[in-house]
Amino acid sequence: MGASLFGVDMKGADLTNAILFQNTFKITVDDATIRQGLTGTVFGPIT
């Protein structure tokens, strides 16, 4: 919660049921990135 992730490659990551709270994301994702149950608030953008 409140983490800043800059330039992190999260392609194929499993974010199942992750809870975000004002996370700053400048990450890379793809269709294989699992987002089931991902909730919360985030600053973007992502690629």
ModelCIF file with pLDDT and N, C-alpha, C, O atoms, coordinates in Angstrom:
data_MODEL
#
_entry.id   MODEL 
#
_entity.id                         1 
_entity.type                       polymer 
_entity.pdbx_number_of_molecules   1 
#
_entity_poly.entity_id                      1 
_entity_poly.type                           'polypeptide(L)' 
_entity_poly.nstd_linkage                   no 
_entity_poly.nstd_monomer                   no 
_entity_poly.pdbx_seq_one_letter_code       MGASLFGVDMKGADLTNAILFQNTFKITVDDATIRQGLTGTVFGPIT 
_entity_poly.pdbx_seq_one_letter_code_can   MGASLFGVDMKGADLTNAILFQNTFKITVDDATIRQGLTGTVFGPIT 
_entity_poly.pdbx_strand_id                 A 
#
loop_
_entity_poly_seq.entity_id 
_entity_poly_seq.num 
_entity_poly_seq.mon_id 
_entity_poly_seq.hetero 
1 1  MET n 
1 2  GLY n 
1 3  ALA n 
1 4  SER n 
1 5  LEU n 
1 6  PHE n 
1 7  GLY n 
1 8  VAL n 
1 9  ASP n 
1 10 MET n 
1 11 LYS n 
1 12 GLY n 
1 13 ALA n 
1 14 ASP n 
1 15 LEU n 
1 16 THR n 
1 17 ASN n 
1 18 ALA n 
1 19 ILE n 
1 20 LEU n 
1 21 PHE n 
1 22 GLN n 
1 23 ASN n 
1 24 THR n 
1 25 PHE n 
1 26 LYS n 
1 27 ILE n 
1 28 THR n 
1 29 VAL n 
1 30 ASP n 
1 31 ASP n 
1 32 ALA n 
1 33 THR n 
1 34 ILE n 
1 35 ARG n 
1 36 GLN n 
1 37 GLY n 
1 38 LEU n 
1 39 THR n 
1 40 GLY n 
1 41 THR n 
1 42 VAL n 
1 43 PHE n 
1 44 GLY n 
1 45 PRO n 
1 46 ILE n 
1 47 THR n 
#
_struct_asym.id          A 
_struct_asym.entity_id   1 
#
loop_
_ma_qa_metric.id 
_ma_qa_metric.mode 
_ma_qa_metric.name 
_ma_qa_metric.software_group_id 
_ma_qa_metric.type 
1 global pLDDT . pLDDT 
2 local  pLDDT . pLDDT 
#
_ma_qa_metric_global.metric_id      1 
_ma_qa_metric_global.metric_value   93.70 
_ma_qa_metric_global.model_id       1 
_ma_qa_metric_global.ordinal_id     1 
#
loop_
_ma_qa_metric_local.label_asym_id 
_ma_qa_metric_local.label_comp_id 
_ma_qa_metric_local.label_seq_id 
_ma_qa_metric_local.metric_id 
_ma_qa_metric_local.metric_value 
_ma_qa_metric_local.model_id 
_ma_qa_metric_local.ordinal_id 
A MET 1  2 75.00 1 1  
A GLY 2  2 83.00 1 2  
A ALA 3  2 88.00 1 3  
A SER 4  2 92.00 1 4  
A LEU 5  2 91.00 1 5  
A PHE 6  2 93.00 1 6  
A GLY 7  2 93.00 1 7  
A VAL 8  2 95.00 1 8  
A ASP 9  2 96.00 1 9  
A MET 10 2 96.00 1 10 
A LYS 11 2 96.00 1 11 
A GLY 12 2 96.00 1 12 
A ALA 13 2 97.00 1 13 
A ASP 14 2 98.00 1 14 
A LEU 15 2 95.00 1 15 
A THR 16 2 97.00 1 16 
A ASN 17 2 97.00 1 17 
A ALA 18 2 95.00 1 18 
A ILE 19 2 95.00 1 19 
A LEU 20 2 94.00 1 20 
A PHE 21 2 95.00 1 21 
A GLN 22 2 93.00 1 22 
A ASN 23 2 92.00 1 23 
A THR 24 2 91.00 1 24 
A PHE 25 2 87.00 1 25 
A LYS 26 2 92.00 1 26 
A ILE 27 2 95.00 1 27 
A THR 28 2 96.00 1 28 
A VAL 29 2 96.00 1 29 
A ASP 30 2 95.00 1 30 
A ASP 31 2 91.00 1 31 
A ALA 32 2 95.00 1 32 
A THR 33 2 95.00 1 33 
A ILE 34 2 96.00 1 34 
A ARG 35 2 95.00 1 35 
A GLN 36 2 97.00 1 36 
A GLY 37 2 97.00 1 37 
A LEU 38 2 97.00 1 38 
A THR 39 2 97.00 1 39 
A GLY 40 2 96.00 1 40 
A THR 41 2 96.00 1 41 
A VAL 42 2 95.00 1 42 
A PHE 43 2 93.00 1 43 
A GLY 44 2 87.00 1 44 
A PRO 45 2 93.00 1 45 
A ILE 46 2 94.00 1 46 
A THR 47 2 96.00 1 47 
#
loop_
_atom_site.group_PDB 
_atom_site.id 
_atom_site.type_symbol 
_atom_site.label_atom_id 
_atom_site.label_alt_id 
_atom_site.label_comp_id 
_atom_site.label_asym_id 
_atom_site.label_entity_id 
_atom_site.label_seq_id 
_atom_site.pdbx_PDB_ins_code 
_atom_site.Cartn_x 
_atom_site.Cartn_y 
_atom_site.Cartn_z 
_atom_site.occupancy 
_atom_site.B_iso_or_equiv 
_atom_site.pdbx_formal_charge 
_atom_site.auth_seq_id 
_atom_site.auth_comp_id 
_atom_site.auth_asym_id 
_atom_site.auth_atom_id 
_atom_site.pdbx_PDB_model_num 
ATOM 1   N N  . MET A 1 1  ? 0.842  -1.181  0.000   1.00 75.00 ? 1  MET A N  1 
ATOM 2   C CA . MET A 1 1  ? 0.000  0.000   0.000   1.00 75.00 ? 1  MET A CA 1 
ATOM 3   C C  . MET A 1 1  ? 0.885  1.240   0.000   1.00 75.00 ? 1  MET A C  1 
ATOM 4   O O  . MET A 1 1  ? 1.805  1.368   0.807   1.00 75.00 ? 1  MET A O  1 
ATOM 5   N N  . GLY A 1 2  ? 0.583  2.150   -0.925  1.00 83.00 ? 2  GLY A N  1 
ATOM 6   C CA . GLY A 1 2  ? 1.349  3.373   -1.043  1.00 83.00 ? 2  GLY A CA 1 
ATOM 7   C C  . GLY A 1 2  ? 2.681  3.196   -1.744  1.00 83.00 ? 2  GLY A C  1 
ATOM 8   O O  . GLY A 1 2  ? 3.491  4.122   -1.775  1.00 83.00 ? 2  GLY A O  1 
ATOM 9   N N  . ALA A 1 3  ? 2.921  2.019   -2.309  1.00 88.00 ? 3  ALA A N  1 
ATOM 10  C CA . ALA A 1 3  ? 4.200  1.744   -2.973  1.00 88.00 ? 3  ALA A CA 1 
ATOM 11  C C  . ALA A 1 3  ? 4.271  2.454   -4.317  1.00 88.00 ? 3  ALA A C  1 
ATOM 12  O O  . ALA A 1 3  ? 3.256  2.658   -4.982  1.00 88.00 ? 3  ALA A O  1 
ATOM 13  N N  . SER A 1 4  ? 5.464  2.820   -4.698  1.00 92.00 ? 4  SER A N  1 
ATOM 14  C CA . SER A 1 4  ? 5.713  3.397   -6.015  1.00 92.00 ? 4  SER A CA 1 
ATOM 15  C C  . SER A 1 4  ? 6.517  2.400   -6.826  1.00 92.00 ? 4  SER A C  1 
ATOM 16  O O  . SER A 1 4  ? 7.625  2.022   -6.447  1.00 92.00 ? 4  SER A O  1 
ATOM 17  N N  . LEU A 1 5  ? 5.953  1.983   -7.937  1.00 91.00 ? 5  LEU A N  1 
ATOM 18  C CA . LEU A 1 5  ? 6.625  1.028   -8.812  1.00 91.00 ? 5  LEU A CA 1 
ATOM 19  C C  . LEU A 1 5  ? 6.885  1.709   -10.142 1.00 91.00 ? 5  LEU A C  1 
ATOM 20  O O  . LEU A 1 5  ? 5.952  1.954   -10.908 1.00 91.00 ? 5  LEU A O  1 
ATOM 21  N N  . PHE A 1 6  ? 8.140  2.016   -10.422 1.00 93.00 ? 6  PHE A N  1 
ATOM 22  C CA . PHE A 1 6  ? 8.529  2.694   -11.648 1.00 93.00 ? 6  PHE A CA 1 
ATOM 23  C C  . PHE A 1 6  ? 9.402  1.771   -12.477 1.00 93.00 ? 6  PHE A C  1 
ATOM 24  O O  . PHE A 1 6  ? 10.417 1.265   -11.997 1.00 93.00 ? 6  PHE A O  1 
ATOM 25  N N  . GLY A 1 7  ? 9.003  1.551   -13.733 1.00 93.00 ? 7  GLY A N  1 
ATOM 26  C CA . GLY A 1 7  ? 9.801  0.732   -14.638 1.00 93.00 ? 7  GLY A CA 1 
ATOM 27  C C  . GLY A 1 7  ? 9.804  -0.744  -14.293 1.00 93.00 ? 7  GLY A C  1 
ATOM 28  O O  . GLY A 1 7  ? 10.737 -1.459  -14.657 1.00 93.00 ? 7  GLY A O  1 
ATOM 29  N N  . VAL A 1 8  ? 8.776  -1.214  -13.597 1.00 95.00 ? 8  VAL A N  1 
ATOM 30  C CA . VAL A 1 8  ? 8.704  -2.617  -13.188 1.00 95.00 ? 8  VAL A CA 1 
ATOM 31  C C  . VAL A 1 8  ? 7.968  -3.425  -14.260 1.00 95.00 ? 8  VAL A C  1 
ATOM 32  O O  . VAL A 1 8  ? 6.878  -3.049  -14.692 1.00 95.00 ? 8  VAL A O  1 
ATOM 33  N N  . ASP A 1 9  ? 8.570  -4.526  -14.678 1.00 96.00 ? 9  ASP A N  1 
ATOM 34  C CA . ASP A 1 9  ? 7.971  -5.426  -15.657 1.00 96.00 ? 9  ASP A CA 1 
ATOM 35  C C  . ASP A 1 9  ? 7.083  -6.418  -14.915 1.00 96.00 ? 9  ASP A C  1 
ATOM 36  O O  . ASP A 1 9  ? 7.574  -7.309  -14.222 1.00 96.00 ? 9  ASP A O  1 
ATOM 37  N N  . MET A 1 10 ? 5.758  -6.255  -15.069 1.00 96.00 ? 10 MET A N  1 
ATOM 38  C CA . MET A 1 10 ? 4.804  -7.145  -14.406 1.00 96.00 ? 10 MET A CA 1 
ATOM 39  C C  . MET A 1 10 ? 4.040  -7.976  -15.435 1.00 96.00 ? 10 MET A C  1 
ATOM 40  O O  . MET A 1 10 ? 2.926  -8.428  -15.172 1.00 96.00 ? 10 MET A O  1 
ATOM 41  N N  . LYS A 1 11 ? 4.647  -8.173  -16.607 1.00 96.00 ? 11 LYS A N  1 
ATOM 42  C CA . LYS A 1 11 ? 4.002  -9.019  -17.612 1.00 96.00 ? 11 LYS A CA 1 
ATOM 43  C C  . LYS A 1 11 ? 3.898  -10.434 -17.054 1.00 96.00 ? 11 LYS A C  1 
ATOM 44  O O  . LYS A 1 11 ? 4.882  -11.014 -16.594 1.00 96.00 ? 11 LYS A O  1 
ATOM 45  N N  . GLY A 1 12 ? 2.684  -10.973 -17.105 1.00 96.00 ? 12 GLY A N  1 
ATOM 46  C CA . GLY A 1 12 ? 2.446  -12.326 -16.618 1.00 96.00 ? 12 GLY A CA 1 
ATOM 47  C C  . GLY A 1 12 ? 2.321  -12.435 -15.108 1.00 96.00 ? 12 GLY A C  1 
ATOM 48  O O  . GLY A 1 12 ? 2.181  -13.539 -14.583 1.00 96.00 ? 12 GLY A O  1 
ATOM 49  N N  . ALA A 1 13 ? 2.368  -11.311 -14.396 1.00 97.00 ? 13 ALA A N  1 
ATOM 50  C CA . ALA A 1 13 ? 2.274  -11.345 -12.928 1.00 97.00 ? 13 ALA A CA 1 
ATOM 51  C C  . ALA A 1 13 ? 0.878  -11.763 -12.486 1.00 97.00 ? 13 ALA A C  1 
ATOM 52  O O  . ALA A 1 13 ? -0.108 -11.521 -13.182 1.00 97.00 ? 13 ALA A O  1 
ATOM 53  N N  . ASP A 1 14 ? 0.813  -12.387 -11.333 1.00 98.00 ? 14 ASP A N  1 
ATOM 54  C CA . ASP A 1 14 ? -0.463 -12.790 -10.747 1.00 98.00 ? 14 ASP A CA 1 
ATOM 55  C C  . ASP A 1 14 ? -0.828 -11.769 -9.667  1.00 98.00 ? 14 ASP A C  1 
ATOM 56  O O  . ASP A 1 14 ? -0.248 -11.771 -8.581  1.00 98.00 ? 14 ASP A O  1 
ATOM 57  N N  . LEU A 1 15 ? -1.785 -10.905 -9.972  1.00 95.00 ? 15 LEU A N  1 
ATOM 58  C CA . LEU A 1 15 ? -2.229 -9.867  -9.039  1.00 95.00 ? 15 LEU A CA 1 
ATOM 59  C C  . LEU A 1 15 ? -3.559 -10.237 -8.390  1.00 95.00 ? 15 LEU A C  1 
ATOM 60  O O  . LEU A 1 15 ? -4.282 -9.368  -7.904  1.00 95.00 ? 15 LEU A O  1 
ATOM 61  N N  . THR A 1 16 ? -3.878 -11.531 -8.383  1.00 97.00 ? 16 THR A N  1 
ATOM 62  C CA . THR A 1 16 ? -5.136 -12.008 -7.819  1.00 97.00 ? 16 THR A CA 1 
ATOM 63  C C  . THR A 1 16 ? -5.324 -11.503 -6.395  1.00 97.00 ? 16 THR A C  1 
ATOM 64  O O  . THR A 1 16 ? -4.482 -11.709 -5.521  1.00 97.00 ? 16 THR A O  1 
ATOM 65  N N  . ASN A 1 17 ? -6.456 -10.835 -6.191  1.00 97.00 ? 17 ASN A N  1 
ATOM 66  C CA . ASN A 1 17 ? -6.877 -10.325 -4.881  1.00 97.00 ? 17 ASN A CA 1 
ATOM 67  C C  . ASN A 1 17 ? -5.900 -9.340  -4.240  1.00 97.00 ? 17 ASN A C  1 
ATOM 68  O O  . ASN A 1 17 ? -5.955 -9.117  -3.031  1.00 97.00 ? 17 ASN A O  1 
ATOM 69  N N  . ALA A 1 18 ? -5.011 -8.753  -5.032  1.00 95.00 ? 18 ALA A N  1 
ATOM 70  C CA . ALA A 1 18 ? -4.122 -7.721  -4.484  1.00 95.00 ? 18 ALA A CA 1 
ATOM 71  C C  . ALA A 1 18 ? -4.952 -6.479  -4.161  1.00 95.00 ? 18 ALA A C  1 
ATOM 72  O O  . ALA A 1 18 ? -5.900 -6.144  -4.871  1.00 95.00 ? 18 ALA A O  1 
ATOM 73  N N  . ILE A 1 19 ? -4.578 -5.815  -3.088  1.00 95.00 ? 19 ILE A N  1 
ATOM 74  C CA . ILE A 1 19 ? -5.262 -4.599  -2.663  1.00 95.00 ? 19 ILE A CA 1 
ATOM 75  C C  . ILE A 1 19 ? -4.279 -3.440  -2.796  1.00 95.00 ? 19 ILE A C  1 
ATOM 76  O O  . ILE A 1 19 ? -3.183 -3.461  -2.236  1.00 95.00 ? 19 ILE A O  1 
ATOM 77  N N  . LEU A 1 20 ? -4.701 -2.432  -3.552  1.00 94.00 ? 20 LEU A N  1 
ATOM 78  C CA . LEU A 1 20 ? -3.872 -1.258  -3.775  1.00 94.00 ? 20 LEU A CA 1 
ATOM 79  C C  . LEU A 1 20 ? -4.432 -0.092  -2.972  1.00 94.00 ? 20 LEU A C  1 
ATOM 80  O O  . LEU A 1 20 ? -5.646 0.030   -2.805  1.00 94.00 ? 20 LEU A O  1 
ATOM 81  N N  . PHE A 1 21 ? -3.554 0.753   -2.481  1.00 95.00 ? 21 PHE A N  1 
ATOM 82  C CA . PHE A 1 21 ? -3.990 1.982   -1.812  1.00 95.00 ? 21 PHE A CA 1 
ATOM 83  C C  . PHE A 1 21 ? -3.026 3.080   -2.207  1.00 95.00 ? 21 PHE A C  1 
ATOM 84  O O  . PHE A 1 21 ? -1.913 3.176   -1.689  1.00 95.00 ? 21 PHE A O  1 
ATOM 85  N N  . GLN A 1 22 ? -3.473 3.893   -3.123  1.00 93.00 ? 22 GLN A N  1 
ATOM 86  C CA . GLN A 1 22 ? -2.684 5.011   -3.621  1.00 93.00 ? 22 GLN A CA 1 
ATOM 87  C C  . GLN A 1 22 ? -1.297 4.576   -4.095  1.00 93.00 ? 22 GLN A C  1 
ATOM 88  O O  . GLN A 1 22 ? -0.295 5.235   -3.818  1.00 93.00 ? 22 GLN A O  1 
ATOM 89  N N  . ASN A 1 23 ? -1.262 3.456   -4.811  1.00 92.00 ? 23 ASN A N  1 
ATOM 90  C CA . ASN A 1 23 ? -0.011 2.986   -5.393  1.00 92.00 ? 23 ASN A CA 1 
ATOM 91  C C  . ASN A 1 23 ? 0.274  3.756   -6.673  1.00 92.00 ? 23 ASN A C  1 
ATOM 92  O O  . ASN A 1 23 ? -0.636 4.015   -7.462  1.00 92.00 ? 23 ASN A O  1 
ATOM 93  N N  . THR A 1 24 ? 1.512  4.118   -6.879  1.00 91.00 ? 24 THR A N  1 
ATOM 94  C CA . THR A 1 24 ? 1.932  4.771   -8.109  1.00 91.00 ? 24 THR A CA 1 
ATOM 95  C C  . THR A 1 24 ? 2.518  3.709   -9.017  1.00 91.00 ? 24 THR A C  1 
ATOM 96  O O  . THR A 1 24 ? 3.548  3.109   -8.708  1.00 91.00 ? 24 THR A O  1 
ATOM 97  N N  . PHE A 1 25 ? 1.847  3.480   -10.150 1.00 87.00 ? 25 PHE A N  1 
ATOM 98  C CA . PHE A 1 25 ? 2.261  2.448   -11.082 1.00 87.00 ? 25 PHE A CA 1 
ATOM 99  C C  . PHE A 1 25 ? 2.719  3.076   -12.379 1.00 87.00 ? 25 PHE A C  1 
ATOM 100 O O  . PHE A 1 25 ? 1.959  3.799   -13.024 1.00 87.00 ? 25 PHE A O  1 
ATOM 101 N N  . LYS A 1 26 ? 3.923  2.817   -12.759 1.00 92.00 ? 26 LYS A N  1 
ATOM 102 C CA . LYS A 1 26 ? 4.423  3.085   -14.105 1.00 92.00 ? 26 LYS A CA 1 
ATOM 103 C C  . LYS A 1 26 ? 5.074  1.772   -14.520 1.00 92.00 ? 26 LYS A C  1 
ATOM 104 O O  . LYS A 1 26 ? 6.290  1.656   -14.668 1.00 92.00 ? 26 LYS A O  1 
ATOM 105 N N  . ILE A 1 27 ? 4.192  0.791   -14.699 1.00 95.00 ? 27 ILE A N  1 
ATOM 106 C CA . ILE A 1 27 ? 4.609  -0.595  -14.906 1.00 95.00 ? 27 ILE A CA 1 
ATOM 107 C C  . ILE A 1 27 ? 4.283  -1.046  -16.326 1.00 95.00 ? 27 ILE A C  1 
ATOM 108 O O  . ILE A 1 27 ? 3.595  -0.352  -17.075 1.00 95.00 ? 27 ILE A O  1 
ATOM 109 N N  . THR A 1 28 ? 4.786  -2.211  -16.674 1.00 96.00 ? 28 THR A N  1 
ATOM 110 C CA . THR A 1 28 ? 4.486  -2.860  -17.938 1.00 96.00 ? 28 THR A CA 1 
ATOM 111 C C  . THR A 1 28 ? 3.726  -4.141  -17.639 1.00 96.00 ? 28 THR A C  1 
ATOM 112 O O  . THR A 1 28 ? 4.146  -4.941  -16.804 1.00 96.00 ? 28 THR A O  1 
ATOM 113 N N  . VAL A 1 29 ? 2.602  -4.333  -18.327 1.00 96.00 ? 29 VAL A N  1 
ATOM 114 C CA . VAL A 1 29 ? 1.757  -5.510  -18.152 1.00 96.00 ? 29 VAL A CA 1 
ATOM 115 C C  . VAL A 1 29 ? 1.422  -6.078  -19.535 1.00 96.00 ? 29 VAL A C  1 
ATOM 116 O O  . VAL A 1 29 ? 1.764  -5.488  -20.560 1.00 96.00 ? 29 VAL A O  1 
ATOM 117 N N  . ASP A 1 30 ? 0.755  -7.222  -19.545 1.00 95.00 ? 30 ASP A N  1 
ATOM 118 C CA . ASP A 1 30 ? 0.282  -7.802  -20.799 1.00 95.00 ? 30 ASP A CA 1 
ATOM 119 C C  . ASP A 1 30 ? -0.995 -8.581  -20.550 1.00 95.00 ? 30 ASP A C  1 
ATOM 120 O O  . ASP A 1 30 ? -1.511 -8.608  -19.433 1.00 95.00 ? 30 ASP A O  1 
ATOM 121 N N  . ASP A 1 31 ? -1.504 -9.218  -21.605 1.00 91.00 ? 31 ASP A N  1 
ATOM 122 C CA . ASP A 1 31 ? -2.746 -9.988  -21.468 1.00 91.00 ? 31 ASP A CA 1 
ATOM 123 C C  . ASP A 1 31 ? -2.628 -11.116 -20.450 1.00 91.00 ? 31 ASP A C  1 
ATOM 124 O O  . ASP A 1 31 ? -3.632 -11.551 -19.887 1.00 91.00 ? 31 ASP A O  1 
ATOM 125 N N  . ALA A 1 32 ? -1.410 -11.591 -20.210 1.00 95.00 ? 32 ALA A N  1 
ATOM 126 C CA . ALA A 1 32 ? -1.204 -12.691 -19.261 1.00 95.00 ? 32 ALA A CA 1 
ATOM 127 C C  . ALA A 1 32 ? -1.173 -12.214 -17.808 1.00 95.00 ? 32 ALA A C  1 
ATOM 128 O O  . ALA A 1 32 ? -1.158 -13.033 -16.890 1.00 95.00 ? 32 ALA A O  1 
ATOM 129 N N  . THR A 1 33 ? -1.162 -10.913 -17.597 1.00 95.00 ? 33 THR A N  1 
ATOM 130 C CA . THR A 1 33 ? -1.179 -10.382 -16.227 1.00 95.00 ? 33 THR A CA 1 
ATOM 131 C C  . THR A 1 33 ? -2.555 -10.651 -15.637 1.00 95.00 ? 33 THR A C  1 
ATOM 132 O O  . THR A 1 33 ? -3.564 -10.195 -16.176 1.00 95.00 ? 33 THR A O  1 
ATOM 133 N N  . ILE A 1 34 ? -2.600 -11.385 -14.538 1.00 96.00 ? 34 ILE A N  1 
ATOM 134 C CA . ILE A 1 34 ? -3.869 -11.774 -13.914 1.00 96.00 ? 34 ILE A CA 1 
ATOM 135 C C  . ILE A 1 34 ? -4.330 -10.654 -12.989 1.00 96.00 ? 34 ILE A C  1 
ATOM 136 O O  . ILE A 1 34 ? -3.588 -10.218 -12.109 1.00 96.00 ? 34 ILE A O  1 
ATOM 137 N N  . ARG A 1 35 ? -5.587 -10.182 -13.201 1.00 95.00 ? 35 ARG A N  1 
ATOM 138 C CA . ARG A 1 35 ? -6.108 -9.070  -12.414 1.00 95.00 ? 35 ARG A CA 1 
ATOM 139 C C  . ARG A 1 35 ? -7.392 -9.407  -11.667 1.00 95.00 ? 35 ARG A C  1 
ATOM 140 O O  . ARG A 1 35 ? -8.059 -8.513  -11.145 1.00 95.00 ? 35 ARG A O  1 
ATOM 141 N N  . GLN A 1 36 ? -7.744 -10.693 -11.611 1.00 97.00 ? 36 GLN A N  1 
ATOM 142 C CA . GLN A 1 36 ? -8.956 -11.142 -10.913 1.00 97.00 ? 36 GLN A CA 1 
ATOM 143 C C  . GLN A 1 36 ? -8.886 -10.717 -9.450  1.00 97.00 ? 36 GLN A C  1 
ATOM 144 O O  . GLN A 1 36 ? -7.948 -11.079 -8.739  1.00 97.00 ? 36 GLN A O  1 
ATOM 145 N N  . GLY A 1 37 ? -9.879 -9.946  -8.999  1.00 97.00 ? 37 GLY A N  1 
ATOM 146 C CA . GLY A 1 37 ? -9.946 -9.551  -7.601  1.00 97.00 ? 37 GLY A CA 1 
ATOM 147 C C  . GLY A 1 37 ? -9.045 -8.388  -7.232  1.00 97.00 ? 37 GLY A C  1 
ATOM 148 O O  . GLY A 1 37 ? -9.017 -7.992  -6.066  1.00 97.00 ? 37 GLY A O  1 
ATOM 149 N N  . LEU A 1 38 ? -8.306 -7.822  -8.181  1.00 97.00 ? 38 LEU A N  1 
ATOM 150 C CA . LEU A 1 38 ? -7.453 -6.663  -7.916  1.00 97.00 ? 38 LEU A CA 1 
ATOM 151 C C  . LEU A 1 38 ? -8.355 -5.478  -7.591  1.00 97.00 ? 38 LEU A C  1 
ATOM 152 O O  . LEU A 1 38 ? -9.245 -5.149  -8.374  1.00 97.00 ? 38 LEU A O  1 
ATOM 153 N N  . THR A 1 39 ? -8.137 -4.831  -6.440  1.00 97.00 ? 39 THR A N  1 
ATOM 154 C CA . THR A 1 39 ? -8.985 -3.722  -6.020  1.00 97.00 ? 39 THR A CA 1 
ATOM 155 C C  . THR A 1 39 ? -8.145 -2.588  -5.444  1.00 97.00 ? 39 THR A C  1 
ATOM 156 O O  . THR A 1 39 ? -6.973 -2.764  -5.108  1.00 97.00 ? 39 THR A O  1 
ATOM 157 N N  . GLY A 1 40 ? -8.778 -1.416  -5.338  1.00 96.00 ? 40 GLY A N  1 
ATOM 158 C CA . GLY A 1 40 ? -8.149 -0.302  -4.660  1.00 96.00 ? 40 GLY A CA 1 
ATOM 159 C C  . GLY A 1 40 ? -7.984 0.930   -5.536  1.00 96.00 ? 40 GLY A C  1 
ATOM 160 O O  . GLY A 1 40 ? -8.700 1.126   -6.518  1.00 96.00 ? 40 GLY A O  1 
ATOM 161 N N  . THR A 1 41 ? -7.007 1.762   -5.144  1.00 96.00 ? 41 THR A N  1 
ATOM 162 C CA . THR A 1 41 ? -6.747 3.023   -5.830  1.00 96.00 ? 41 THR A CA 1 
ATOM 163 C C  . THR A 1 41 ? -5.316 3.055   -6.331  1.00 96.00 ? 41 THR A C  1 
ATOM 164 O O  . THR A 1 41 ? -4.398 2.552   -5.683  1.00 96.00 ? 41 THR A O  1 
ATOM 165 N N  . VAL A 1 42 ? -5.146 3.656   -7.498  1.00 95.00 ? 42 VAL A N  1 
ATOM 166 C CA . VAL A 1 42 ? -3.838 3.654   -8.140  1.00 95.00 ? 42 VAL A CA 1 
ATOM 167 C C  . VAL A 1 42 ? -3.652 4.934   -8.942  1.00 95.00 ? 42 VAL A C  1 
ATOM 168 O O  . VAL A 1 42 ? -4.611 5.492   -9.475  1.00 95.00 ? 42 VAL A O  1 
ATOM 169 N N  . PHE A 1 43 ? -2.421 5.387   -9.018  1.00 93.00 ? 43 PHE A N  1 
ATOM 170 C CA . PHE A 1 43 ? -2.038 6.433   -9.955  1.00 93.00 ? 43 PHE A CA 1 
ATOM 171 C C  . PHE A 1 43 ? -1.442 5.718   -11.161 1.00 93.00 ? 43 PHE A C  1 
ATOM 172 O O  . PHE A 1 43 ? -0.734 4.726   -10.989 1.00 93.00 ? 43 PHE A O  1 
ATOM 173 N N  . GLY A 1 44 ? -1.702 6.179   -12.341 1.00 87.00 ? 44 GLY A N  1 
ATOM 174 C CA . GLY A 1 44 ? -1.150 5.560   -13.532 1.00 87.00 ? 44 GLY A CA 1 
ATOM 175 C C  . GLY A 1 44 ? -0.226 6.530   -14.217 1.00 87.00 ? 44 GLY A C  1 
ATOM 176 O O  . GLY A 1 44 ? 0.224  7.489   -13.589 1.00 87.00 ? 44 GLY A O  1 
ATOM 177 N N  . PRO A 1 45 ? 0.061  6.327   -15.424 1.00 93.00 ? 45 PRO A N  1 
ATOM 178 C CA . PRO A 1 45 ? -0.445 5.304   -16.328 1.00 93.00 ? 45 PRO A CA 1 
ATOM 179 C C  . PRO A 1 45 ? 0.417  4.048   -16.286 1.00 93.00 ? 45 PRO A C  1 
ATOM 180 O O  . PRO A 1 45 ? 1.467  4.005   -15.645 1.00 93.00 ? 45 PRO A O  1 
ATOM 181 N N  . ILE A 1 46 ? -0.068 3.024   -16.994 1.00 94.00 ? 46 ILE A N  1 
ATOM 182 C CA . ILE A 1 46 ? 0.712  1.809   -17.177 1.00 94.00 ? 46 ILE A CA 1 
ATOM 183 C C  . ILE A 1 46 ? 0.879  1.583   -18.678 1.00 94.00 ? 46 ILE A C  1 
ATOM 184 O O  . ILE A 1 46 ? 0.173  2.188   -19.485 1.00 94.00 ? 46 ILE A O  1 
ATOM 185 N N  . THR A 1 47 ? 1.809  0.714   -19.045 1.00 96.00 ? 47 THR A N  1 
ATOM 186 C CA . THR A 1 47 ? 1.982  0.331   -20.442 1.00 96.00 ? 47 THR A CA 1 
ATOM 187 C C  . THR A 1 47 ? 1.540  -1.112  -20.587 1.00 96.00 ? 47 THR A C  1 
ATOM 188 O O  . THR A 1 47 ? 1.593  -1.667  -21.685 1.00 96.00 ? 47 THR A O  1 
#
